[in-house]
Amino acid sequence: MRLCDLHMHSTQSDGTLTPRQLVELAKTKNLEAIAVTDHDTLAGIEEARTAGAELGIRVLSGVEISVEYNSRTVHMLGYCFDRGAARLKKGLDEILGGRHERNLKIVSKLNALGVKVTYEEIAAEAGGKVVGRPHFAAVIVRKGYAADKQEVFNKYLARGAAAYEERLRFSPEDSVAMIRDAGGVAVLAHPKLVHLAEGETIEDVVKGLKSAGLGGIECVYSLHTPEETAHYLDLAKKYDLVPTGGSDFHGGNKPEIEMGTGLGSLAVPLEFADDLERLAESAA
């Protein structure tokens, strides 16, 4: 089978490999196409594409956006928005501004709890890239306030924890519109991880997002069981959505997940990348 991996993160957000290193690793994994889907930023795409051209790896434009859905967070993937990346970037800049404000508030909360960190330390940990909660966790562990990153999230950074702070998130409809207006395809990420309301099904979510312009659903994913994958593929067919797939590779931040193979059995057919590109072209 010819394979791809359409969900991974670089040092431009919360991964531990640079965009070029992702492409180099993809080459060793015999992947023919990848998409770098950093959180709320397009900053790594050009570096990845340059490396892809050198190494013979097709690199699709990609991004992962956190959106607010019924008071919960849902992740929306965007692909193949090359004709309108500037328009999408404008919307993402608003999200990044909200993320920065959130980070400053987290620092204040941590200090009030006796965890003495500065924003400058956190930003240095991020190396000039998008600052996220994993960077807070790394600094907090290094300074001896927690034994590991999981303890940091449990005590301070997870939703409902002592230093948690909400940030600006767009609605799913706004995010879909941003991606579609940029010429791209909006895809519901890892449906298994969507927190459903009482009595709600994932089909209810997919049906609602389809009416807002959803173009695809991530059917093949590291944490999906074979039964779940089959169910999501059925939903994709029922609602005329493109199926996609990816490992959600983060490098050392999720060491159990390997690019291309996930937890060991992941296999994303190259046709998924082809179908995404065709859908974007047909919508142009």
C-alpha atoms as a PDB file:
ATOM      1  CA  MET A   1       0.000   0.000   0.000  1.00  0.00           C
ATOM      2  CA  ARG A   2       1.212   3.510  -0.820  1.00  0.00           C
ATOM      3  CA  LEU A   3       0.978   5.522   2.390  1.00  0.00           C
ATOM      4  CA  CYS A   4       0.755   9.049   3.766  1.00  0.00           C
ATOM      5  CA  ASP A   5       0.364  10.743   7.169  1.00  0.00           C
ATOM      6  CA  LEU A   6      -1.849  13.817   7.237  1.00  0.00           C
ATOM      7  CA  HIS A   7      -1.688  14.819  10.914  1.00  0.00           C
ATOM      8  CA  MET A   8       1.555  15.806  12.656  1.00  0.00           C
ATOM      9  CA  HIS A   9       3.098  18.700  14.587  1.00  0.00           C
ATOM     10  CA  SER A  10       6.451  20.451  14.401  1.00  0.00           C
ATOM     11  CA  THR A  11       8.423  22.793  16.627  1.00  0.00           C
ATOM     12  CA  GLN A  12       6.252  25.584  15.223  1.00  0.00           C
ATOM     13  CA  SER A  13       3.614  24.440  17.738  1.00  0.00           C
ATOM     14  CA  ASP A  14       3.939  21.557  20.208  1.00  0.00           C
ATOM     15  CA  GLY A  15       6.071  19.008  18.361  1.00  0.00           C
ATOM     16  CA  THR A  16       9.751  18.349  18.973  1.00  0.00           C
ATOM     17  CA  LEU A  17      10.991  18.025  15.375  1.00  0.00           C
ATOM     18  CA  THR A  18      11.404  20.897  12.929  1.00  0.00           C
ATOM     19  CA  PRO A  19       9.321  20.862   9.736  1.00  0.00           C
ATOM     20  CA  ARG A  20      12.387  19.734   7.770  1.00  0.00           C
ATOM     21  CA  GLN A  21      13.057  16.937  10.246  1.00  0.00           C
ATOM     22  CA  LEU A  22       9.460  15.758   9.843  1.00  0.00           C
ATOM     23  CA  VAL A  23       9.970  15.447   6.101  1.00  0.00           C
ATOM     24  CA  GLU A  24      13.287  13.661   6.597  1.00  0.00           C
ATOM     25  CA  LEU A  25      11.619  11.200   8.975  1.00  0.00           C
ATOM     26  CA  ALA A  26       8.756  10.698   6.519  1.00  0.00           C
ATOM     27  CA  LYS A  27      11.322   9.715   3.909  1.00  0.00           C
ATOM     28  CA  THR A  28      12.735   6.994   6.175  1.00  0.00           C
ATOM     29  CA  LYS A  29       9.182   5.764   6.820  1.00  0.00           C
ATOM     30  CA  ASN A  30       8.516   5.420   3.068  1.00  0.00           C
ATOM     31  CA  LEU A  31       5.635   7.870   3.208  1.00  0.00           C
ATOM     32  CA  GLU A  32       4.791   9.525  -0.095  1.00  0.00           C
ATOM     33  CA  ALA A  33       2.854  12.486   1.291  1.00  0.00           C
ATOM     34  CA  ILE A  34       2.457  14.296   4.593  1.00  0.00           C
ATOM     35  CA  ALA A  35       0.685  17.334   6.004  1.00  0.00           C
ATOM     36  CA  VAL A  36       2.224  19.418   8.790  1.00  0.00           C
ATOM     37  CA  THR A  37      -0.809  20.472  10.847  1.00  0.00           C
ATOM     38  CA  ASP A  38       0.557  22.765  13.534  1.00  0.00           C
ATOM     39  CA  HIS A  39      -1.831  24.362  15.996  1.00  0.00           C
ATOM     40  CA  ASP A  40      -3.181  27.728  14.821  1.00  0.00           C
ATOM     41  CA  THR A  41      -0.161  28.570  12.639  1.00  0.00           C
ATOM     42  CA  LEU A  42       1.020  28.103   9.058  1.00  0.00           C
ATOM     43  CA  ALA A  43       4.628  28.944   9.900  1.00  0.00           C
ATOM     44  CA  GLY A  44       6.127  25.510   9.199  1.00  0.00           C
ATOM     45  CA  ILE A  45       4.586  24.805   5.816  1.00  0.00           C
ATOM     46  CA  GLU A  46       7.139  26.443   3.533  1.00  0.00           C
ATOM     47  CA  GLU A  47      10.108  24.845   5.304  1.00  0.00           C
ATOM     48  CA  ALA A  48       8.426  21.464   4.998  1.00  0.00           C
ATOM     49  CA  ARG A  49       7.634  22.003   1.331  1.00  0.00           C
ATOM     50  CA  THR A  50      11.192  23.018   0.537  1.00  0.00           C
ATOM     51  CA  ALA A  51      12.445  19.836   2.182  1.00  0.00           C
ATOM     52  CA  GLY A  52       9.729  17.844   0.454  1.00  0.00           C
ATOM     53  CA  ALA A  53      10.811  19.093  -2.959  1.00  0.00           C
ATOM     54  CA  GLU A  54      14.377  18.039  -2.204  1.00  0.00           C
ATOM     55  CA  LEU A  55      13.469  14.597  -0.872  1.00  0.00           C
ATOM     56  CA  GLY A  56      10.555  13.697  -3.104  1.00  0.00           C
ATOM     57  CA  ILE A  57       7.835  13.921  -0.432  1.00  0.00           C
ATOM     58  CA  ARG A  58       4.558  15.633  -1.302  1.00  0.00           C
ATOM     59  CA  VAL A  59       3.667  18.156   1.432  1.00  0.00           C
ATOM     60  CA  LEU A  60       0.054  19.314   1.707  1.00  0.00           C
ATOM     61  CA  SER A  61      -0.681  22.606   3.411  1.00  0.00           C
ATOM     62  CA  GLY A  62      -2.284  21.958   6.772  1.00  0.00           C
ATOM     63  CA  VAL A  63      -3.332  23.439  10.102  1.00  0.00           C
ATOM     64  CA  GLU A  64      -5.203  22.321  13.237  1.00  0.00           C
ATOM     65  CA  ILE A  65      -7.572  24.833  14.810  1.00  0.00           C
ATOM     66  CA  SER A  66      -9.147  24.512  18.265  1.00  0.00           C
ATOM     67  CA  VAL A  67     -12.786  25.581  18.067  1.00  0.00           C
ATOM     68  CA  GLU A  68     -15.601  25.992  20.566  1.00  0.00           C
ATOM     69  CA  TYR A  69     -18.482  23.549  20.113  1.00  0.00           C
ATOM     70  CA  ASN A  70     -21.327  23.569  22.644  1.00  0.00           C
ATOM     71  CA  SER A  71     -18.956  24.816  25.393  1.00  0.00           C
ATOM     72  CA  ARG A  72     -16.402  22.141  24.485  1.00  0.00           C
ATOM     73  CA  THR A  73     -13.241  22.114  22.405  1.00  0.00           C
ATOM     74  CA  VAL A  74     -13.310  20.411  19.014  1.00  0.00           C
ATOM     75  CA  HIS A  75     -10.307  20.323  16.696  1.00  0.00           C
ATOM     76  CA  MET A  76     -10.727  21.261  13.048  1.00  0.00           C
ATOM     77  CA  LEU A  77      -8.095  20.362  10.478  1.00  0.00           C
ATOM     78  CA  GLY A  78      -7.656  22.474   7.352  1.00  0.00           C
ATOM     79  CA  TYR A  79      -5.947  21.274   4.183  1.00  0.00           C
ATOM     80  CA  CYS A  80      -4.968  22.460   0.698  1.00  0.00           C
ATOM     81  CA  PHE A  81      -5.678  26.153   1.245  1.00  0.00           C
ATOM     82  CA  ASP A  82      -2.789  27.327  -0.957  1.00  0.00           C
ATOM     83  CA  ARG A  83      -4.786  29.846  -2.969  1.00  0.00           C
ATOM     84  CA  GLY A  84      -5.914  31.782   0.080  1.00  0.00           C
ATOM     85  CA  ALA A  85      -3.373  31.205   2.826  1.00  0.00           C
ATOM     86  CA  ALA A  86      -3.102  34.939   3.550  1.00  0.00           C
ATOM     87  CA  ARG A  87      -6.822  35.115   4.383  1.00  0.00           C
ATOM     88  CA  LEU A  88      -6.577  32.115   6.672  1.00  0.00           C
ATOM     89  CA  LYS A  89      -3.472  33.508   8.357  1.00  0.00           C
ATOM     90  CA  LYS A  90      -5.367  36.678   9.277  1.00  0.00           C
ATOM     91  CA  GLY A  91      -7.902  34.654  11.229  1.00  0.00           C
ATOM     92  CA  LEU A  92      -5.211  32.533  12.839  1.00  0.00           C
ATOM     93  CA  ASP A  93      -3.391  35.682  13.968  1.00  0.00           C
ATOM     94  CA  GLU A  94      -6.481  36.573  16.007  1.00  0.00           C
ATOM     95  CA  ILE A  95      -6.347  33.157  17.656  1.00  0.00           C
ATOM     96  CA  LEU A  96      -2.632  33.537  18.392  1.00  0.00           C
ATOM     97  CA  GLY A  97      -3.300  36.922  19.974  1.00  0.00           C
ATOM     98  CA  GLY A  98      -5.878  35.298  22.234  1.00  0.00           C
ATOM     99  CA  ARG A  99      -3.431  32.507  23.035  1.00  0.00           C
ATOM    100  CA  HIS A 100      -0.816  35.076  24.115  1.00  0.00           C
ATOM    101  CA  GLU A 101      -3.293  36.791  26.440  1.00  0.00           C
ATOM    102  CA  ARG A 102      -4.241  33.401  27.887  1.00  0.00           C
ATOM    103  CA  ASN A 103      -0.594  32.542  28.523  1.00  0.00           C
ATOM    104  CA  LEU A 104       0.002  35.746  30.471  1.00  0.00           C
ATOM    105  CA  LYS A 105      -3.008  34.945  32.669  1.00  0.00           C
ATOM    106  CA  ILE A 106      -1.695  31.411  33.311  1.00  0.00           C
ATOM    107  CA  VAL A 107       1.632  32.871  34.473  1.00  0.00           C
ATOM    108  CA  SER A 108      -0.220  35.121  36.932  1.00  0.00           C
ATOM    109  CA  LYS A 109      -2.279  32.220  38.270  1.00  0.00           C
ATOM    110  CA  LEU A 110       0.785  30.004  38.668  1.00  0.00           C
ATOM    111  CA  ASN A 111       2.645  32.725  40.540  1.00  0.00           C
ATOM    112  CA  ALA A 112      -0.325  33.176  42.868  1.00  0.00           C
ATOM    113  CA  LEU A 113      -0.184  29.438  43.570  1.00  0.00           C
ATOM    114  CA  GLY A 114       3.504  29.654  44.489  1.00  0.00           C
ATOM    115  CA  VAL A 115       4.805  28.309  41.179  1.00  0.00           C
ATOM    116  CA  LYS A 116       7.376  30.982  40.352  1.00  0.00           C
ATOM    117  CA  VAL A 117       7.771  31.084  36.577  1.00  0.00           C
ATOM    118  CA  THR A 118       8.006  34.003  34.187  1.00  0.00           C
ATOM    119  CA  TYR A 119       6.581  34.383  30.714  1.00  0.00           C
ATOM    120  CA  GLU A 120      10.113  34.940  29.451  1.00  0.00           C
ATOM    121  CA  GLU A 121      11.090  31.453  30.688  1.00  0.00           C
ATOM    122  CA  ILE A 122       8.095  29.904  28.960  1.00  0.00           C
ATOM    123  CA  ALA A 123       8.751  31.755  25.705  1.00  0.00           C
ATOM    124  CA  ALA A 124      12.402  30.664  25.806  1.00  0.00           C
ATOM    125  CA  GLU A 125      11.272  27.063  26.214  1.00  0.00           C
ATOM    126  CA  ALA A 126       9.152  27.489  23.072  1.00  0.00           C
ATOM    127  CA  GLY A 127      12.197  28.767  21.185  1.00  0.00           C
ATOM    128  CA  GLY A 128      10.344  31.635  19.565  1.00  0.00           C
ATOM    129  CA  LYS A 129       7.537  29.376  18.315  1.00  0.00           C
ATOM    130  CA  VAL A 130       3.879  29.287  19.369  1.00  0.00           C
ATOM    131  CA  VAL A 131       3.717  29.028  23.180  1.00  0.00           C
ATOM    132  CA  GLY A 132       1.492  26.242  24.425  1.00  0.00           C
ATOM    133  CA  ARG A 133       0.782  24.428  27.668  1.00  0.00           C
ATOM    134  CA  PRO A 134       3.468  21.758  27.024  1.00  0.00           C
ATOM    135  CA  HIS A 135       6.067  24.537  27.243  1.00  0.00           C
ATOM    136  CA  PHE A 136       4.668  25.596  30.619  1.00  0.00           C
ATOM    137  CA  ALA A 137       4.810  21.983  31.759  1.00  0.00           C
ATOM    138  CA  ALA A 138       8.446  21.565  30.728  1.00  0.00           C
ATOM    139  CA  VAL A 139       9.543  24.637  32.675  1.00  0.00           C
ATOM    140  CA  ILE A 140       7.500  23.705  35.751  1.00  0.00           C
ATOM    141  CA  VAL A 141       9.012  20.195  35.838  1.00  0.00           C
ATOM    142  CA  ARG A 142      12.525  21.532  35.317  1.00  0.00           C
ATOM    143  CA  LYS A 143      12.106  23.947  38.227  1.00  0.00           C
ATOM    144  CA  GLY A 144      11.018  21.116  40.502  1.00  0.00           C
ATOM    145  CA  TYR A 145       7.367  22.025  41.063  1.00  0.00           C
ATOM    146  CA  ALA A 146       6.147  18.696  39.654  1.00  0.00           C
ATOM    147  CA  ALA A 147       7.599  15.265  38.918  1.00  0.00           C
ATOM    148  CA  ASP A 148       6.451  15.074  35.299  1.00  0.00           C
ATOM    149  CA  LYS A 149       4.299  16.787  32.698  1.00  0.00           C
ATOM    150  CA  GLN A 150       1.218  14.730  33.514  1.00  0.00           C
ATOM    151  CA  GLU A 151       1.331  15.959  37.109  1.00  0.00           C
ATOM    152  CA  VAL A 152       1.606  19.540  35.841  1.00  0.00           C
ATOM    153  CA  PHE A 153      -1.505  19.166  33.723  1.00  0.00           C
ATOM    154  CA  ASN A 154      -3.446  17.413  36.476  1.00  0.00           C
ATOM    155  CA  LYS A 155      -2.609  20.059  39.080  1.00  0.00           C
ATOM    156  CA  TYR A 156      -2.406  23.242  37.040  1.00  0.00           C
ATOM    157  CA  LEU A 157      -3.078  23.214  33.302  1.00  0.00           C
ATOM    158  CA  ALA A 158      -5.892  20.814  32.392  1.00  0.00           C
ATOM    159  CA  ARG A 159      -9.399  22.206  31.981  1.00  0.00           C
ATOM    160  CA  GLY A 160     -10.739  22.840  35.499  1.00  0.00           C
ATOM    161  CA  ALA A 161      -7.278  22.741  37.115  1.00  0.00           C
ATOM    162  CA  ALA A 162      -5.973  25.536  39.353  1.00  0.00           C
ATOM    163  CA  ALA A 163      -4.164  27.613  36.708  1.00  0.00           C
ATOM    164  CA  TYR A 164      -6.303  26.742  33.679  1.00  0.00           C
ATOM    165  CA  GLU A 165      -7.388  29.676  31.583  1.00  0.00           C
ATOM    166  CA  GLU A 166      -9.687  29.721  28.560  1.00  0.00           C
ATOM    167  CA  ARG A 167      -8.557  31.399  25.360  1.00  0.00           C
ATOM    168  CA  LEU A 168     -10.172  32.804  22.245  1.00  0.00           C
ATOM    169  CA  ARG A 169     -11.703  30.097  20.083  1.00  0.00           C
ATOM    170  CA  PHE A 170     -13.814  30.443  16.971  1.00  0.00           C
ATOM    171  CA  SER A 171     -17.005  28.513  16.408  1.00  0.00           C
ATOM    172  CA  PRO A 172     -16.862  25.465  14.140  1.00  0.00           C
ATOM    173  CA  GLU A 173     -18.847  27.414  11.572  1.00  0.00           C
ATOM    174  CA  ASP A 174     -16.351  30.296  11.636  1.00  0.00           C
ATOM    175  CA  SER A 175     -13.409  27.911  11.367  1.00  0.00           C
ATOM    176  CA  VAL A 176     -14.949  26.005   8.469  1.00  0.00           C
ATOM    177  CA  ALA A 177     -15.663  29.314   6.721  1.00  0.00           C
ATOM    178  CA  MET A 178     -12.069  30.491   7.268  1.00  0.00           C
ATOM    179  CA  ILE A 179     -10.683  27.323   5.722  1.00  0.00           C
ATOM    180  CA  ARG A 180     -13.160  27.235   2.828  1.00  0.00           C
ATOM    181  CA  ASP A 181     -12.677  30.938   2.081  1.00  0.00           C
ATOM    182  CA  ALA A 182      -8.961  30.208   1.787  1.00  0.00           C
ATOM    183  CA  GLY A 183      -9.671  27.535  -0.829  1.00  0.00           C
ATOM    184  CA  GLY A 184      -9.139  24.666   1.595  1.00  0.00           C
ATOM    185  CA  VAL A 185     -10.982  21.636   2.939  1.00  0.00           C
ATOM    186  CA  ALA A 186     -12.229  21.575   6.550  1.00  0.00           C
ATOM    187  CA  VAL A 187     -11.947  18.190   8.291  1.00  0.00           C
ATOM    188  CA  LEU A 188     -13.193  17.105  11.718  1.00  0.00           C
ATOM    189  CA  ALA A 189     -10.146  15.844  13.625  1.00  0.00           C
ATOM    190  CA  HIS A 190     -10.091  12.596  15.674  1.00  0.00           C
ATOM    191  CA  PRO A 191     -13.854  12.191  16.212  1.00  0.00           C
ATOM    192  CA  LYS A 192     -13.172   9.663  18.985  1.00  0.00           C
ATOM    193  CA  LEU A 193     -11.908  12.536  21.130  1.00  0.00           C
ATOM    194  CA  VAL A 194     -14.960  14.761  20.653  1.00  0.00           C
ATOM    195  CA  HIS A 195     -16.707  15.166  24.021  1.00  0.00           C
ATOM    196  CA  LEU A 196     -20.364  14.452  23.337  1.00  0.00           C
ATOM    197  CA  ALA A 197     -23.277  15.893  25.288  1.00  0.00           C
ATOM    198  CA  GLU A 198     -25.695  13.531  26.990  1.00  0.00           C
ATOM    199  CA  GLY A 199     -27.724  11.753  24.325  1.00  0.00           C
ATOM    200  CA  GLU A 200     -25.612  13.177  21.498  1.00  0.00           C
ATOM    201  CA  THR A 201     -23.874  10.986  18.928  1.00  0.00           C
ATOM    202  CA  ILE A 202     -20.856  11.711  16.760  1.00  0.00           C
ATOM    203  CA  GLU A 203     -23.220  11.510  13.791  1.00  0.00           C
ATOM    204  CA  ASP A 204     -25.143  14.456  15.247  1.00  0.00           C
ATOM    205  CA  VAL A 205     -21.894  16.439  15.324  1.00  0.00           C
ATOM    206  CA  VAL A 206     -20.915  15.432  11.800  1.00  0.00           C
ATOM    207  CA  LYS A 207     -24.362  16.223  10.435  1.00  0.00           C
ATOM    208  CA  GLY A 208     -24.319  19.685  12.011  1.00  0.00           C
ATOM    209  CA  LEU A 209     -20.835  20.491  10.767  1.00  0.00           C
ATOM    210  CA  LYS A 210     -21.668  19.187   7.289  1.00  0.00           C
ATOM    211  CA  SER A 211     -24.380  21.815   7.043  1.00  0.00           C
ATOM    212  CA  ALA A 212     -21.713  24.411   7.940  1.00  0.00           C
ATOM    213  CA  GLY A 213     -19.459  23.284   5.082  1.00  0.00           C
ATOM    214  CA  LEU A 214     -17.413  20.436   6.575  1.00  0.00           C
ATOM    215  CA  GLY A 215     -15.512  18.632   3.812  1.00  0.00           C
ATOM    216  CA  GLY A 216     -14.003  15.627   5.554  1.00  0.00           C
ATOM    217  CA  ILE A 217     -13.617  13.510   8.674  1.00  0.00           C
ATOM    218  CA  GLU A 218     -10.442  11.987  10.121  1.00  0.00           C
ATOM    219  CA  CYS A 219     -11.379   8.314   9.989  1.00  0.00           C
ATOM    220  CA  VAL A 220      -7.976   6.651  10.408  1.00  0.00           C
ATOM    221  CA  TYR A 221      -6.258   7.831  13.590  1.00  0.00           C
ATOM    222  CA  SER A 222      -3.799   6.412  16.096  1.00  0.00           C
ATOM    223  CA  LEU A 223      -6.392   6.000  18.873  1.00  0.00           C
ATOM    224  CA  HIS A 224      -9.297   4.727  16.768  1.00  0.00           C
ATOM    225  CA  THR A 225     -10.228   1.076  17.090  1.00  0.00           C
ATOM    226  CA  PRO A 226     -10.976  -0.875  13.883  1.00  0.00           C
ATOM    227  CA  GLU A 227     -14.677  -0.683  14.762  1.00  0.00           C
ATOM    228  CA  GLU A 228     -14.522   3.081  15.238  1.00  0.00           C
ATOM    229  CA  THR A 229     -12.606   3.521  11.999  1.00  0.00           C
ATOM    230  CA  ALA A 230     -15.266   1.538  10.142  1.00  0.00           C
ATOM    231  CA  HIS A 231     -18.014   3.662  11.717  1.00  0.00           C
ATOM    232  CA  TYR A 232     -16.328   6.932  10.740  1.00  0.00           C
ATOM    233  CA  LEU A 233     -15.767   5.662   7.198  1.00  0.00           C
ATOM    234  CA  ASP A 234     -19.487   4.876   7.016  1.00  0.00           C
ATOM    235  CA  LEU A 235     -20.302   8.399   8.189  1.00  0.00           C
ATOM    236  CA  ALA A 236     -17.944   9.869   5.600  1.00  0.00           C
ATOM    237  CA  LYS A 237     -19.732   7.936   2.883  1.00  0.00           C
ATOM    238  CA  LYS A 238     -23.205   8.776   4.200  1.00  0.00           C
ATOM    239  CA  TYR A 239     -22.526  12.523   4.355  1.00  0.00           C
ATOM    240  CA  ASP A 240     -20.329  12.696   1.244  1.00  0.00           C
ATOM    241  CA  LEU A 241     -17.199  13.648   3.189  1.00  0.00           C
ATOM    242  CA  VAL A 242     -13.593  12.940   2.280  1.00  0.00           C
ATOM    243  CA  PRO A 243     -12.013  10.430   4.699  1.00  0.00           C
ATOM    244  CA  THR A 244      -8.579  11.422   5.994  1.00  0.00           C
ATOM    245  CA  GLY A 245      -6.098   9.982   8.450  1.00  0.00           C
ATOM    246  CA  GLY A 246      -2.975  10.644  10.426  1.00  0.00           C
ATOM    247  CA  SER A 247      -0.893   9.687  13.426  1.00  0.00           C
ATOM    248  CA  ASP A 248      -0.992  13.002  15.334  1.00  0.00           C
ATOM    249  CA  PHE A 249       2.768  12.653  15.669  1.00  0.00           C
ATOM    250  CA  HIS A 250       4.400  15.085  18.153  1.00  0.00           C
ATOM    251  CA  GLY A 251       7.878  13.562  18.438  1.00  0.00           C
ATOM    252  CA  GLY A 252       9.129  13.457  22.010  1.00  0.00           C
ATOM    253  CA  ASN A 253       5.971  15.080  23.380  1.00  0.00           C
ATOM    254  CA  LYS A 254       3.994  11.925  22.499  1.00  0.00           C
ATOM    255  CA  PRO A 255       6.762   9.311  22.287  1.00  0.00           C
ATOM    256  CA  GLU A 256       4.362   6.388  22.077  1.00  0.00           C
ATOM    257  CA  ILE A 257       3.021   7.597  18.719  1.00  0.00           C
ATOM    258  CA  GLU A 258       5.177   7.015  15.635  1.00  0.00           C
ATOM    259  CA  MET A 259       4.857   8.890  12.378  1.00  0.00           C
ATOM    260  CA  GLY A 260       3.066   6.805   9.790  1.00  0.00           C
ATOM    261  CA  THR A 261       2.220   3.890  12.069  1.00  0.00           C
ATOM    262  CA  GLY A 262       0.785   5.559  15.181  1.00  0.00           C
ATOM    263  CA  LEU A 263       0.660   3.011  17.974  1.00  0.00           C
ATOM    264  CA  GLY A 264       1.840   0.314  15.584  1.00  0.00           C
ATOM    265  CA  SER A 265      -0.990  -0.553  13.204  1.00  0.00           C
ATOM    266  CA  LEU A 266      -1.864   2.773  11.571  1.00  0.00           C
ATOM    267  CA  ALA A 267      -1.844   2.810   7.754  1.00  0.00           C
ATOM    268  CA  VAL A 268      -3.231   5.830   5.890  1.00  0.00           C
ATOM    269  CA  PRO A 269      -3.683   5.194   2.153  1.00  0.00           C
ATOM    270  CA  LEU A 270      -2.187   7.753  -0.202  1.00  0.00           C
ATOM    271  CA  GLU A 271      -5.585   8.092  -1.871  1.00  0.00           C
ATOM    272  CA  PHE A 272      -6.723  10.159   1.115  1.00  0.00           C
ATOM    273  CA  ALA A 273      -4.216  12.866   0.188  1.00  0.00           C
ATOM    274  CA  ASP A 274      -5.221  12.628  -3.465  1.00  0.00           C
ATOM    275  CA  ASP A 275      -8.911  13.003  -2.594  1.00  0.00           C
ATOM    276  CA  LEU A 276      -8.240  16.059  -0.421  1.00  0.00           C
ATOM    277  CA  GLU A 277      -6.378  17.781  -3.227  1.00  0.00           C
ATOM    278  CA  ARG A 278      -9.073  16.929  -5.763  1.00  0.00           C
ATOM    279  CA  LEU A 279     -11.809  18.291  -3.500  1.00  0.00           C
ATOM    280  CA  ALA A 280      -9.916  21.554  -2.981  1.00  0.00           C
ATOM    281  CA  GLU A 281      -9.354  21.905  -6.712  1.00  0.00           C
ATOM    282  CA  SER A 282     -13.010  21.208  -7.545  1.00  0.00           C
ATOM    283  CA  ALA A 283     -14.143  23.865  -5.058  1.00  0.00           C
ATOM    284  CA  ALA A 284     -11.853  26.543  -6.508  1.00  0.00           C
END
